[in-house]
Amino acid sequence: MDLDGFHWGDDIIFDSNNGGLDADAGFRQSTAMLKALVEDDLVGKCGYRAREIMVFGLGQGGMAALSLAVTLHQTAKSPSDGELGGVISIGGGLPSEAPAALINKCKTPVLVCGGSSDSIVTPSSEEKLRHVFEAVETKRYRRPGDTMPRDRDEMLPVMQFFSRRLRSMKGVPAGSVEVGLS
């Protein structure tokens, strides 16, 4: 079975507890690459606003997405410039190099999903997210482990997050009321 993947970390670090790779391997290079993609290409060349961009990641990809949101917030000229449409992280928290707390919290809303046990998303990592981001939503699967959603119950929080954060390109139909957008 071919299991393709991508290593977002700056280095490969082995976890002596389980003999596997340590997910938190530094994200400076990947964050810089993602920041350039957002600012130079999506915003600069394509004309999107940061608020129209959502980032979804699994494991290290989720950690890289959260790191990107913090970096954009910290380097933005105004608070609205640094706010993404949202970040969905499946089984990934903030990297250790991210600040433990921010006085002016990041406005990008975050959804973090993880297993009921055997999860990288621990209570302490959830607390760190709440010290850095204004809006953090955490959803736990009924099963252990941090894998991609497998069924309707696991995917529903992701779809609800998307529906609250995505804007209609056609606008609101006559006679309707638009709710849930900030």
Protein backbone atom coordinates (compact mmCIF):
# COMPACT_ATOMS: atom_id res chain seq x y z
CA MET A 1 0.00 0.00 0.00
CA ASP A 2 1.43 3.38 -1.00
CA LEU A 3 0.86 5.95 1.74
CA ASP A 4 1.90 9.25 0.24
CA GLY A 5 2.42 12.09 2.64
CA PHE A 6 4.17 15.35 3.20
CA HIS A 7 6.45 16.37 6.05
CA TRP A 8 5.75 20.00 6.97
CA GLY A 9 8.43 20.23 9.67
CA ASP A 10 11.79 21.94 9.35
CA ASP A 11 13.58 18.84 10.60
CA ILE A 12 12.94 15.16 11.19
CA ILE A 13 12.84 14.45 14.91
CA PHE A 14 12.25 11.00 16.32
CA ASP A 15 10.03 10.58 19.37
CA SER A 16 11.87 8.34 21.85
CA ASN A 17 8.58 7.41 23.56
CA ASN A 18 7.01 5.67 20.58
CA GLY A 19 9.88 5.32 18.10
CA GLY A 20 7.97 7.32 15.48
CA LEU A 21 8.39 10.81 14.13
CA ASP A 22 7.72 13.80 16.37
CA ALA A 23 4.99 15.87 14.75
CA ASP A 24 6.33 19.12 16.24
CA ALA A 25 9.49 19.46 14.17
CA GLY A 26 9.52 23.24 13.66
CA PHE A 27 7.40 25.06 11.09
CA ARG A 28 9.38 28.19 10.17
CA GLN A 29 10.07 27.21 6.56
CA SER A 30 6.61 25.84 5.80
CA THR A 31 4.95 28.83 7.49
CA ALA A 32 7.05 31.24 5.40
CA MET A 33 6.13 29.33 2.23
CA LEU A 34 2.40 29.33 3.10
CA LYS A 35 2.53 33.02 4.06
CA ALA A 36 4.07 33.89 0.69
CA LEU A 37 1.43 31.77 -1.08
CA VAL A 38 -1.38 33.62 0.71
CA GLU A 39 0.03 37.17 0.57
CA ASP A 40 1.83 37.16 -2.78
CA ASP A 41 -0.26 34.78 -4.86
CA LEU A 42 -3.80 34.46 -3.49
CA VAL A 43 -4.15 38.04 -2.20
CA GLY A 44 -1.59 39.87 -4.36
CA LYS A 45 -2.03 38.23 -7.77
CA CYS A 46 -5.49 36.63 -7.59
CA GLY A 47 -7.22 39.43 -5.66
CA TYR A 48 -8.67 37.37 -2.82
CA ARG A 49 -9.01 38.90 0.61
CA ALA A 50 -7.45 36.96 3.48
CA ARG A 51 -10.96 36.58 4.98
CA GLU A 52 -11.92 34.56 1.86
CA ILE A 53 -9.20 31.95 2.40
CA MET A 54 -9.71 28.84 4.54
CA VAL A 55 -6.95 26.40 5.43
CA PHE A 56 -7.54 22.71 6.22
CA GLY A 57 -4.82 20.39 7.49
CA LEU A 58 -4.32 16.93 8.96
CA GLY A 59 -1.68 16.31 11.62
CA GLN A 60 1.39 18.36 10.75
CA GLY A 61 -0.64 20.09 8.03
CA GLY A 62 -3.04 21.29 10.74
CA MET A 63 -0.12 22.52 12.83
CA ALA A 64 1.27 24.38 9.80
CA ALA A 65 -2.17 25.92 9.13
CA LEU A 66 -2.45 27.16 12.73
CA SER A 67 1.10 28.52 12.57
CA LEU A 68 0.21 30.36 9.35
CA ALA A 69 -2.82 32.00 10.98
CA VAL A 70 -0.73 33.22 13.92
CA THR A 71 2.03 34.54 11.64
CA LEU A 72 -0.43 36.40 9.39
CA HIS A 73 -2.04 37.93 12.48
CA GLN A 74 1.30 39.04 13.93
CA THR A 75 2.57 40.59 10.68
CA ALA A 76 -0.67 42.21 9.50
CA LYS A 77 -0.86 45.98 9.06
CA SER A 78 -4.42 45.95 10.42
CA PRO A 79 -6.38 43.26 12.31
CA SER A 80 -8.67 42.58 9.34
CA ASP A 81 -5.69 42.03 7.00
CA GLY A 82 -4.48 39.09 9.10
CA GLU A 83 -7.82 37.32 9.55
CA LEU A 84 -8.28 34.21 7.46
CA GLY A 85 -11.71 32.75 6.77
CA GLY A 86 -10.84 29.94 9.15
CA VAL A 87 -8.51 27.08 9.99
CA ILE A 88 -9.59 23.47 10.38
CA SER A 89 -6.99 21.26 12.01
CA ILE A 90 -7.54 17.53 12.27
CA GLY A 91 -5.28 16.12 14.97
CA GLY A 92 -2.88 19.05 15.20
CA GLY A 93 -2.37 21.82 17.74
CA LEU A 94 -0.15 24.87 17.78
CA PRO A 95 3.54 24.12 17.31
CA SER A 96 5.77 24.70 20.33
CA GLU A 97 7.45 27.65 18.55
CA ALA A 98 4.10 29.53 18.43
CA PRO A 99 3.49 32.04 21.22
CA ALA A 100 1.88 30.61 24.37
CA ALA A 101 -0.54 33.54 24.49
CA LEU A 102 -1.31 36.80 22.68
CA ILE A 103 -2.64 40.00 24.22
CA ASN A 104 -4.46 40.82 20.98
CA LYS A 105 -5.72 37.37 20.08
CA CYS A 106 -5.83 36.13 16.52
CA LYS A 107 -9.27 36.71 14.98
CA THR A 108 -9.12 33.74 12.60
CA PRO A 109 -11.69 31.21 13.83
CA VAL A 110 -10.38 27.71 14.45
CA LEU A 111 -11.93 24.23 14.48
CA VAL A 112 -9.79 21.44 15.90
CA CYS A 113 -10.95 17.83 15.65
CA GLY A 114 -9.39 14.84 17.36
CA GLY A 115 -10.01 11.42 18.81
CA SER A 116 -11.62 10.70 22.16
CA SER A 117 -8.28 9.25 23.27
CA ASP A 118 -4.82 8.71 21.76
CA SER A 119 -5.00 12.27 20.42
CA ILE A 120 -2.33 14.86 19.82
CA VAL A 121 -4.99 17.42 20.76
CA THR A 122 -4.61 17.40 24.54
CA PRO A 123 -6.32 19.63 27.11
CA SER A 124 -3.09 21.66 27.41
CA SER A 125 -2.89 22.15 23.62
CA GLU A 126 -6.55 23.24 23.60
CA GLU A 127 -5.79 25.74 26.37
CA LYS A 128 -2.86 27.15 24.39
CA LEU A 129 -5.15 27.60 21.37
CA ARG A 130 -7.65 29.53 23.53
CA HIS A 131 -4.85 31.86 24.70
CA VAL A 132 -3.86 32.64 21.09
CA PHE A 133 -7.16 32.62 19.14
CA GLU A 134 -10.43 34.45 19.89
CA ALA A 135 -12.70 31.69 18.59
CA VAL A 136 -11.70 28.05 19.12
CA GLU A 137 -14.05 25.15 18.63
CA THR A 138 -12.96 21.61 19.55
CA LYS A 139 -14.77 18.48 18.44
CA ARG A 140 -13.94 14.96 19.58
CA TYR A 141 -14.61 11.77 17.68
CA ARG A 142 -16.28 8.90 19.54
CA ARG A 143 -13.28 6.75 18.63
CA PRO A 144 -9.59 7.04 19.50
CA GLY A 145 -6.99 8.55 17.21
CA ASP A 146 -6.58 11.61 15.01
CA THR A 147 -7.55 10.49 11.53
CA MET A 148 -9.65 12.10 8.84
CA PRO A 149 -13.39 12.10 9.52
CA ARG A 150 -14.92 8.74 8.54
CA ASP A 151 -18.66 9.29 8.72
CA ARG A 152 -21.43 11.86 8.92
CA ASP A 153 -21.06 12.44 12.68
CA GLU A 154 -17.35 13.18 12.34
CA MET A 155 -17.70 15.32 9.21
CA LEU A 156 -20.72 17.34 10.36
CA PRO A 157 -18.73 19.80 12.56
CA VAL A 158 -16.39 20.48 9.62
CA MET A 159 -19.29 21.13 7.24
CA GLN A 160 -21.02 23.36 9.80
CA PHE A 161 -17.79 25.35 10.26
CA PHE A 162 -17.48 25.78 6.49
CA SER A 163 -21.12 26.84 6.18
CA ARG A 164 -20.71 29.52 8.86
CA ARG A 165 -17.52 30.91 7.37
CA LEU A 166 -17.98 30.73 3.58
CA ARG A 167 -19.72 33.58 1.84
CA SER A 168 -22.08 33.16 -1.08
CA MET A 169 -20.70 34.42 -4.39
CA LYS A 170 -24.24 35.13 -5.61
CA GLY A 171 -25.33 37.07 -2.53
CA VAL A 172 -28.41 36.52 -0.42
CA PRO A 173 -31.63 35.72 -2.34
CA ALA A 174 -34.43 38.27 -2.09
CA GLY A 175 -36.55 37.71 1.01
CA SER A 176 -33.82 35.79 2.83
CA VAL A 177 -31.84 36.74 5.89
CA GLU A 178 -28.10 36.10 6.11
CA VAL A 179 -26.99 34.84 9.53
CA GLY A 180 -23.76 33.77 11.16
CA LEU A 181 -21.29 35.92 9.24
CA SER A 182 -19.02 38.36 10.97
